[in-house]
């Protein structure tokens, strides 16, 4: 096992009182793989500015200013995050959502069996796996 030694021991992260770290499932479960760079930037911004319930009231002009993003890019990024079930939005309120369990479907091992993907999905759901 590799021993990890901080490069700057005087700057080790501490969990802030007002919020927690970003959930590692964003990478492990492939959420970020489905995001464009502007959508990922918007998500990071919303996680950073939201309260403990994931709520924030930043206006479109303010978000665009902070992220140096055009309004049309912001709108598209917001739709991506909504589609991925990462945020909810009801103007003017954003809510960063808890990450739902994801069912990841792997490539079929047997191309002769068209029901294999469905069977794998069903089995994973029944076993409570993602």
C-alpha atoms as a PDB file:
ATOM      1  CA  UNK A   1       0.000   0.000   0.000  1.00  0.00           C
ATOM      2  CA  UNK A   2       1.246   3.469  -0.876  1.00  0.00           C
ATOM      3  CA  UNK A   3       1.812   5.824   2.031  1.00  0.00           C
ATOM      4  CA  UNK A   4       0.298   9.182   1.226  1.00  0.00           C
ATOM      5  CA  UNK A   5       1.966  12.266   2.657  1.00  0.00           C
ATOM      6  CA  UNK A   6       0.285  15.631   2.115  1.00  0.00           C
ATOM      7  CA  UNK A   7       2.279  18.057   0.003  1.00  0.00           C
ATOM      8  CA  UNK A   8       1.038  20.952   2.135  1.00  0.00           C
ATOM      9  CA  UNK A   9       0.235  19.537   5.600  1.00  0.00           C
ATOM     10  CA  UNK A  10      -0.785  22.999   6.780  1.00  0.00           C
ATOM     11  CA  UNK A  11      -3.579  23.056   4.162  1.00  0.00           C
ATOM     12  CA  UNK A  12      -5.367  19.735   4.725  1.00  0.00           C
ATOM     13  CA  UNK A  13      -9.055  20.052   3.865  1.00  0.00           C
ATOM     14  CA  UNK A  14     -11.562  20.206   6.670  1.00  0.00           C
ATOM     15  CA  UNK A  15     -15.279  19.634   6.225  1.00  0.00           C
ATOM     16  CA  UNK A  16     -16.945  23.046   6.396  1.00  0.00           C
ATOM     17  CA  UNK A  17     -19.789  23.405   8.894  1.00  0.00           C
ATOM     18  CA  UNK A  18     -22.226  24.583   6.239  1.00  0.00           C
ATOM     19  CA  UNK A  19     -21.787  21.703   3.799  1.00  0.00           C
ATOM     20  CA  UNK A  20     -20.074  18.434   2.940  1.00  0.00           C
ATOM     21  CA  UNK A  21     -17.721  17.245   0.205  1.00  0.00           C
ATOM     22  CA  UNK A  22     -18.877  16.390  -3.285  1.00  0.00           C
ATOM     23  CA  UNK A  23     -20.172  12.821  -3.482  1.00  0.00           C
ATOM     24  CA  UNK A  24     -17.633  10.440  -5.040  1.00  0.00           C
ATOM     25  CA  UNK A  25     -20.464   8.574  -6.786  1.00  0.00           C
ATOM     26  CA  UNK A  26     -20.453  11.393  -9.357  1.00  0.00           C
ATOM     27  CA  UNK A  27     -17.381   9.731 -10.838  1.00  0.00           C
ATOM     28  CA  UNK A  28     -17.850   6.106  -9.762  1.00  0.00           C
ATOM     29  CA  UNK A  29     -21.426   5.857 -11.048  1.00  0.00           C
ATOM     30  CA  UNK A  30     -20.734   7.750 -14.264  1.00  0.00           C
ATOM     31  CA  UNK A  31     -22.762  10.903 -13.628  1.00  0.00           C
ATOM     32  CA  UNK A  32     -19.958  13.205 -14.779  1.00  0.00           C
ATOM     33  CA  UNK A  33     -19.372  11.128 -17.898  1.00  0.00           C
ATOM     34  CA  UNK A  34     -22.796  12.252 -19.087  1.00  0.00           C
ATOM     35  CA  UNK A  35     -22.100  15.950 -18.535  1.00  0.00           C
ATOM     36  CA  UNK A  36     -20.650  18.562 -20.811  1.00  0.00           C
ATOM     37  CA  UNK A  37     -17.936  20.746 -19.298  1.00  0.00           C
ATOM     38  CA  UNK A  38     -20.319  23.703 -18.818  1.00  0.00           C
ATOM     39  CA  UNK A  39     -22.857  21.439 -17.055  1.00  0.00           C
ATOM     40  CA  UNK A  40     -20.138  20.066 -14.763  1.00  0.00           C
ATOM     41  CA  UNK A  41     -19.041  23.643 -13.983  1.00  0.00           C
ATOM     42  CA  UNK A  42     -22.629  24.623 -13.182  1.00  0.00           C
ATOM     43  CA  UNK A  43     -23.005  21.587 -10.923  1.00  0.00           C
ATOM     44  CA  UNK A  44     -19.805  22.425  -9.043  1.00  0.00           C
ATOM     45  CA  UNK A  45     -20.993  26.014  -8.645  1.00  0.00           C
ATOM     46  CA  UNK A  46     -24.399  24.936  -7.323  1.00  0.00           C
ATOM     47  CA  UNK A  47     -22.879  22.436  -4.882  1.00  0.00           C
ATOM     48  CA  UNK A  48     -20.559  25.164  -3.645  1.00  0.00           C
ATOM     49  CA  UNK A  49     -23.191  27.862  -3.123  1.00  0.00           C
ATOM     50  CA  UNK A  50     -26.111  25.747  -1.910  1.00  0.00           C
ATOM     51  CA  UNK A  51     -27.141  25.314   1.695  1.00  0.00           C
ATOM     52  CA  UNK A  52     -27.300  22.014   3.632  1.00  0.00           C
ATOM     53  CA  UNK A  53     -30.542  21.110   1.816  1.00  0.00           C
ATOM     54  CA  UNK A  54     -28.957  21.760  -1.567  1.00  0.00           C
ATOM     55  CA  UNK A  55     -30.950  24.953  -2.143  1.00  0.00           C
ATOM     56  CA  UNK A  56     -29.745  28.179  -3.743  1.00  0.00           C
ATOM     57  CA  UNK A  57     -31.348  31.245  -5.286  1.00  0.00           C
ATOM     58  CA  UNK A  58     -28.663  32.484  -7.673  1.00  0.00           C
ATOM     59  CA  UNK A  59     -30.157  34.342 -10.643  1.00  0.00           C
ATOM     60  CA  UNK A  60     -29.222  33.527 -14.232  1.00  0.00           C
ATOM     61  CA  UNK A  61     -27.249  36.779 -14.655  1.00  0.00           C
ATOM     62  CA  UNK A  62     -25.339  36.092 -11.443  1.00  0.00           C
ATOM     63  CA  UNK A  63     -24.520  32.481 -12.394  1.00  0.00           C
ATOM     64  CA  UNK A  64     -23.454  33.624 -15.875  1.00  0.00           C
ATOM     65  CA  UNK A  65     -21.192  36.256 -14.333  1.00  0.00           C
ATOM     66  CA  UNK A  66     -19.564  33.846 -11.864  1.00  0.00           C
ATOM     67  CA  UNK A  67     -19.016  31.120 -14.478  1.00  0.00           C
ATOM     68  CA  UNK A  68     -18.271  33.475 -17.397  1.00  0.00           C
ATOM     69  CA  UNK A  69     -21.008  31.664 -19.300  1.00  0.00           C
ATOM     70  CA  UNK A  70     -23.493  32.835 -21.915  1.00  0.00           C
ATOM     71  CA  UNK A  71     -27.170  32.574 -20.965  1.00  0.00           C
ATOM     72  CA  UNK A  72     -27.913  30.029 -23.729  1.00  0.00           C
ATOM     73  CA  UNK A  73     -25.075  27.807 -22.429  1.00  0.00           C
ATOM     74  CA  UNK A  74     -26.431  28.146 -18.883  1.00  0.00           C
ATOM     75  CA  UNK A  75     -29.912  27.105 -20.042  1.00  0.00           C
ATOM     76  CA  UNK A  76     -28.563  24.060 -21.866  1.00  0.00           C
ATOM     77  CA  UNK A  77     -26.343  23.089 -18.943  1.00  0.00           C
ATOM     78  CA  UNK A  78     -29.249  23.375 -16.528  1.00  0.00           C
ATOM     79  CA  UNK A  79     -31.349  21.106 -18.763  1.00  0.00           C
ATOM     80  CA  UNK A  80     -28.507  18.542 -18.839  1.00  0.00           C
ATOM     81  CA  UNK A  81     -28.317  18.494 -15.048  1.00  0.00           C
ATOM     82  CA  UNK A  82     -32.094  18.156 -14.768  1.00  0.00           C
ATOM     83  CA  UNK A  83     -32.073  15.312 -17.335  1.00  0.00           C
ATOM     84  CA  UNK A  84     -29.345  13.553 -15.339  1.00  0.00           C
ATOM     85  CA  UNK A  85     -31.429  14.040 -12.171  1.00  0.00           C
ATOM     86  CA  UNK A  86     -28.621  15.966 -10.501  1.00  0.00           C
ATOM     87  CA  UNK A  87     -30.572  19.169  -9.917  1.00  0.00           C
ATOM     88  CA  UNK A  88     -34.136  20.395  -9.841  1.00  0.00           C
ATOM     89  CA  UNK A  89     -35.046  23.922 -10.896  1.00  0.00           C
ATOM     90  CA  UNK A  90     -38.128  26.013 -10.342  1.00  0.00           C
ATOM     91  CA  UNK A  91     -37.273  29.633 -11.073  1.00  0.00           C
ATOM     92  CA  UNK A  92     -35.607  31.156  -9.109  1.00  0.00           C
ATOM     93  CA  UNK A  93     -34.762  28.120  -6.920  1.00  0.00           C
ATOM     94  CA  UNK A  94     -32.163  25.435  -7.621  1.00  0.00           C
ATOM     95  CA  UNK A  95     -32.001  22.227  -5.621  1.00  0.00           C
ATOM     96  CA  UNK A  96     -28.948  19.969  -5.819  1.00  0.00           C
ATOM     97  CA  UNK A  97     -30.488  16.501  -5.532  1.00  0.00           C
ATOM     98  CA  UNK A  98     -29.301  13.472  -3.610  1.00  0.00           C
ATOM     99  CA  UNK A  99     -27.707  11.013  -6.013  1.00  0.00           C
ATOM    100  CA  UNK A 100     -30.118   8.239  -6.899  1.00  0.00           C
ATOM    101  CA  UNK A 101     -28.772   4.693  -7.237  1.00  0.00           C
ATOM    102  CA  UNK A 102     -27.868   4.012 -10.862  1.00  0.00           C
ATOM    103  CA  UNK A 103     -28.173   0.779 -12.781  1.00  0.00           C
ATOM    104  CA  UNK A 104     -25.144   0.462 -15.017  1.00  0.00           C
ATOM    105  CA  UNK A 105     -25.632  -1.872 -17.955  1.00  0.00           C
ATOM    106  CA  UNK A 106     -22.480  -3.501 -19.292  1.00  0.00           C
ATOM    107  CA  UNK A 107     -22.040  -4.742 -22.843  1.00  0.00           C
ATOM    108  CA  UNK A 108     -23.679  -8.087 -23.567  1.00  0.00           C
ATOM    109  CA  UNK A 109     -21.471 -11.141 -23.375  1.00  0.00           C
ATOM    110  CA  UNK A 110     -23.730 -13.167 -25.666  1.00  0.00           C
ATOM    111  CA  UNK A 111     -25.020 -11.270 -28.723  1.00  0.00           C
ATOM    112  CA  UNK A 112     -27.318 -14.259 -29.513  1.00  0.00           C
ATOM    113  CA  UNK A 113     -29.448 -13.501 -26.421  1.00  0.00           C
ATOM    114  CA  UNK A 114     -31.453 -10.268 -26.933  1.00  0.00           C
ATOM    115  CA  UNK A 115     -32.989 -10.556 -23.431  1.00  0.00           C
ATOM    116  CA  UNK A 116     -29.662 -10.640 -21.621  1.00  0.00           C
ATOM    117  CA  UNK A 117     -29.450  -6.852 -21.012  1.00  0.00           C
ATOM    118  CA  UNK A 118     -33.021  -6.767 -19.702  1.00  0.00           C
ATOM    119  CA  UNK A 119     -32.327  -9.785 -17.502  1.00  0.00           C
ATOM    120  CA  UNK A 120     -29.187  -8.159 -16.130  1.00  0.00           C
ATOM    121  CA  UNK A 121     -31.059  -4.957 -15.381  1.00  0.00           C
ATOM    122  CA  UNK A 122     -33.892  -6.814 -13.684  1.00  0.00           C
ATOM    123  CA  UNK A 123     -31.474  -8.890 -11.617  1.00  0.00           C
ATOM    124  CA  UNK A 124     -29.550  -5.810 -10.511  1.00  0.00           C
ATOM    125  CA  UNK A 125     -32.747  -4.010  -9.547  1.00  0.00           C
ATOM    126  CA  UNK A 126     -34.078  -7.016  -7.625  1.00  0.00           C
ATOM    127  CA  UNK A 127     -30.788  -7.378  -5.748  1.00  0.00           C
ATOM    128  CA  UNK A 128     -30.669  -3.656  -5.004  1.00  0.00           C
ATOM    129  CA  UNK A 129     -27.351  -3.217  -6.811  1.00  0.00           C
ATOM    130  CA  UNK A 130     -26.329  -0.402  -9.071  1.00  0.00           C
END
